[in-house]
Amino acid sequence: MLHVAVRGRVQGVGFRWFVRARARELQLAGWVRNLPDGSVEVFAEGERDALEHFQRLLKSGPPGAVVASVDTVGGAAREEAKRPFGILR
């Protein structure tokens, strides 16, 4: 399981769509959503190797994104993992 907050310039640059596409390619379940503080929250479940690769992808993001940090979120996710991986509003 991976539950992180991605900080930097990650809203308004296609970051959620990038995350959804990469997660689906890696056959992960979960979701991504914008947070009011300008960060993006990501929750994913799947094979360990796929999650490790996914986390590396989150550190770069799509063109136009500037990722300052990828920080682990403490506690349980408020939403269930979705399959296929989805974008929450």
C-alpha atoms as a PDB file:
ATOM      1  CA  MET A   1       0.000   0.000   0.000  1.00  0.00           C
ATOM      2  CA  LEU A   2       1.144   3.537  -0.808  1.00  0.00           C
ATOM      3  CA  HIS A   3      -0.538   6.610   0.701  1.00  0.00           C
ATOM      4  CA  VAL A   4       1.273   9.882   0.010  1.00  0.00           C
ATOM      5  CA  ALA A   5       0.858  13.623  -0.395  1.00  0.00           C
ATOM      6  CA  VAL A   6       2.722  15.085  -3.364  1.00  0.00           C
ATOM      7  CA  ARG A   7       3.719  18.714  -2.894  1.00  0.00           C
ATOM      8  CA  GLY A   8       5.013  21.343  -5.290  1.00  0.00           C
ATOM      9  CA  ARG A   9       3.466  22.604  -8.511  1.00  0.00           C
ATOM     10  CA  VAL A  10       1.189  19.608  -8.947  1.00  0.00           C
ATOM     11  CA  GLN A  11      -2.244  21.139  -9.543  1.00  0.00           C
ATOM     12  CA  GLY A  12      -3.271  22.533 -12.906  1.00  0.00           C
ATOM     13  CA  VAL A  13      -0.554  20.619 -14.791  1.00  0.00           C
ATOM     14  CA  GLY A  14      -2.314  17.305 -15.530  1.00  0.00           C
ATOM     15  CA  PHE A  15      -0.801  15.571 -12.504  1.00  0.00           C
ATOM     16  CA  ARG A  16      -3.934  13.601 -11.537  1.00  0.00           C
ATOM     17  CA  TRP A  17      -4.374  12.341 -15.122  1.00  0.00           C
ATOM     18  CA  PHE A  18      -0.688  11.356 -15.229  1.00  0.00           C
ATOM     19  CA  VAL A  19      -1.071   9.463 -11.929  1.00  0.00           C
ATOM     20  CA  ARG A  20      -4.205   7.662 -13.091  1.00  0.00           C
ATOM     21  CA  ALA A  21      -2.594   6.588 -16.381  1.00  0.00           C
ATOM     22  CA  ARG A  22       0.604   5.297 -14.743  1.00  0.00           C
ATOM     23  CA  ALA A  23      -1.353   3.480 -12.008  1.00  0.00           C
ATOM     24  CA  ARG A  24      -3.547   1.745 -14.560  1.00  0.00           C
ATOM     25  CA  GLU A  25      -0.493   0.726 -16.601  1.00  0.00           C
ATOM     26  CA  LEU A  26       0.932  -0.856 -13.431  1.00  0.00           C
ATOM     27  CA  GLN A  27      -2.427  -2.508 -12.611  1.00  0.00           C
ATOM     28  CA  LEU A  28      -2.762  -0.696  -9.281  1.00  0.00           C
ATOM     29  CA  ALA A  29      -6.016  -0.027  -7.463  1.00  0.00           C
ATOM     30  CA  GLY A  30      -6.598   3.283  -5.731  1.00  0.00           C
ATOM     31  CA  TRP A  31      -7.264   6.944  -6.337  1.00  0.00           C
ATOM     32  CA  VAL A  32      -5.792  10.435  -6.631  1.00  0.00           C
ATOM     33  CA  ARG A  33      -7.271  13.801  -5.611  1.00  0.00           C
ATOM     34  CA  ASN A  34      -6.374  17.459  -5.225  1.00  0.00           C
ATOM     35  CA  LEU A  35      -6.230  18.828  -1.695  1.00  0.00           C
ATOM     36  CA  PRO A  36      -7.152  22.380  -0.672  1.00  0.00           C
ATOM     37  CA  ASP A  37      -3.541  23.181   0.321  1.00  0.00           C
ATOM     38  CA  GLY A  38      -2.360  22.714  -3.296  1.00  0.00           C
ATOM     39  CA  SER A  39      -0.961  19.217  -2.820  1.00  0.00           C
ATOM     40  CA  VAL A  40      -2.204  15.981  -4.395  1.00  0.00           C
ATOM     41  CA  GLU A  41      -3.111  12.918  -2.311  1.00  0.00           C
ATOM     42  CA  VAL A  42      -2.467   9.474  -3.789  1.00  0.00           C
ATOM     43  CA  PHE A  43      -3.592   6.094  -2.429  1.00  0.00           C
ATOM     44  CA  ALA A  44      -2.557   2.911  -4.245  1.00  0.00           C
ATOM     45  CA  GLU A  45      -2.588  -0.828  -3.635  1.00  0.00           C
ATOM     46  CA  GLY A  46      -0.895  -3.561  -5.634  1.00  0.00           C
ATOM     47  CA  GLU A  47       2.271  -5.567  -6.095  1.00  0.00           C
ATOM     48  CA  ARG A  48       5.316  -4.307  -4.189  1.00  0.00           C
ATOM     49  CA  ASP A  49       7.519  -3.839  -7.265  1.00  0.00           C
ATOM     50  CA  ALA A  50       4.765  -1.937  -9.061  1.00  0.00           C
ATOM     51  CA  LEU A  51       4.220   0.336  -6.040  1.00  0.00           C
ATOM     52  CA  GLU A  52       7.952   1.079  -5.796  1.00  0.00           C
ATOM     53  CA  HIS A  53       8.084   1.958  -9.504  1.00  0.00           C
ATOM     54  CA  PHE A  54       4.928   4.063  -9.136  1.00  0.00           C
ATOM     55  CA  GLN A  55       6.431   6.018  -6.247  1.00  0.00           C
ATOM     56  CA  ARG A  56       9.488   6.824  -8.373  1.00  0.00           C
ATOM     57  CA  LEU A  57       7.176   8.099 -11.130  1.00  0.00           C
ATOM     58  CA  LEU A  58       5.364  10.340  -8.639  1.00  0.00           C
ATOM     59  CA  LYS A  59       8.666  12.077  -7.861  1.00  0.00           C
ATOM     60  CA  SER A  60       8.927  13.357 -11.437  1.00  0.00           C
ATOM     61  CA  GLY A  61       5.320  13.773 -12.581  1.00  0.00           C
ATOM     62  CA  PRO A  62       4.242  14.981 -16.017  1.00  0.00           C
ATOM     63  CA  PRO A  63       5.864  17.803 -18.003  1.00  0.00           C
ATOM     64  CA  GLY A  64       4.975  21.091 -16.301  1.00  0.00           C
ATOM     65  CA  ALA A  65       4.901  19.622 -12.798  1.00  0.00           C
ATOM     66  CA  VAL A  66       7.529  20.505 -10.227  1.00  0.00           C
ATOM     67  CA  VAL A  67       7.495  17.965  -7.397  1.00  0.00           C
ATOM     68  CA  ALA A  68       9.000  19.323  -4.183  1.00  0.00           C
ATOM     69  CA  SER A  69       8.279  16.255  -2.031  1.00  0.00           C
ATOM     70  CA  VAL A  70       6.400  12.975  -1.809  1.00  0.00           C
ATOM     71  CA  ASP A  71       5.460  12.484   1.846  1.00  0.00           C
ATOM     72  CA  THR A  72       3.872   9.453   3.484  1.00  0.00           C
ATOM     73  CA  VAL A  73       0.406  10.135   4.877  1.00  0.00           C
ATOM     74  CA  GLY A  74      -0.163   8.668   8.345  1.00  0.00           C
ATOM     75  CA  GLY A  75      -3.288   6.736   9.173  1.00  0.00           C
ATOM     76  CA  ALA A  76      -5.789   4.900   7.032  1.00  0.00           C
ATOM     77  CA  ALA A  77      -7.178   6.270   3.789  1.00  0.00           C
ATOM     78  CA  ARG A  78     -10.633   7.808   4.077  1.00  0.00           C
ATOM     79  CA  GLU A  79     -11.723   6.270   0.771  1.00  0.00           C
ATOM     80  CA  GLU A  80     -11.611   2.666  -0.388  1.00  0.00           C
ATOM     81  CA  ALA A  81      -9.203   1.706  -3.168  1.00  0.00           C
ATOM     82  CA  LYS A  82     -10.957   1.833  -6.528  1.00  0.00           C
ATOM     83  CA  ARG A  83     -10.417  -0.453  -9.477  1.00  0.00           C
ATOM     84  CA  PRO A  84      -9.714   0.751 -12.042  1.00  0.00           C
ATOM     85  CA  PHE A  85      -7.619   3.473 -10.437  1.00  0.00           C
ATOM     86  CA  GLY A  86      -9.665   6.660 -10.365  1.00  0.00           C
ATOM     87  CA  ILE A  87      -9.655  10.395  -9.842  1.00  0.00           C
ATOM     88  CA  LEU A  88     -11.716  11.636  -6.903  1.00  0.00           C
ATOM     89  CA  ARG A  89     -13.320  15.062  -6.988  1.00  0.00           C
END
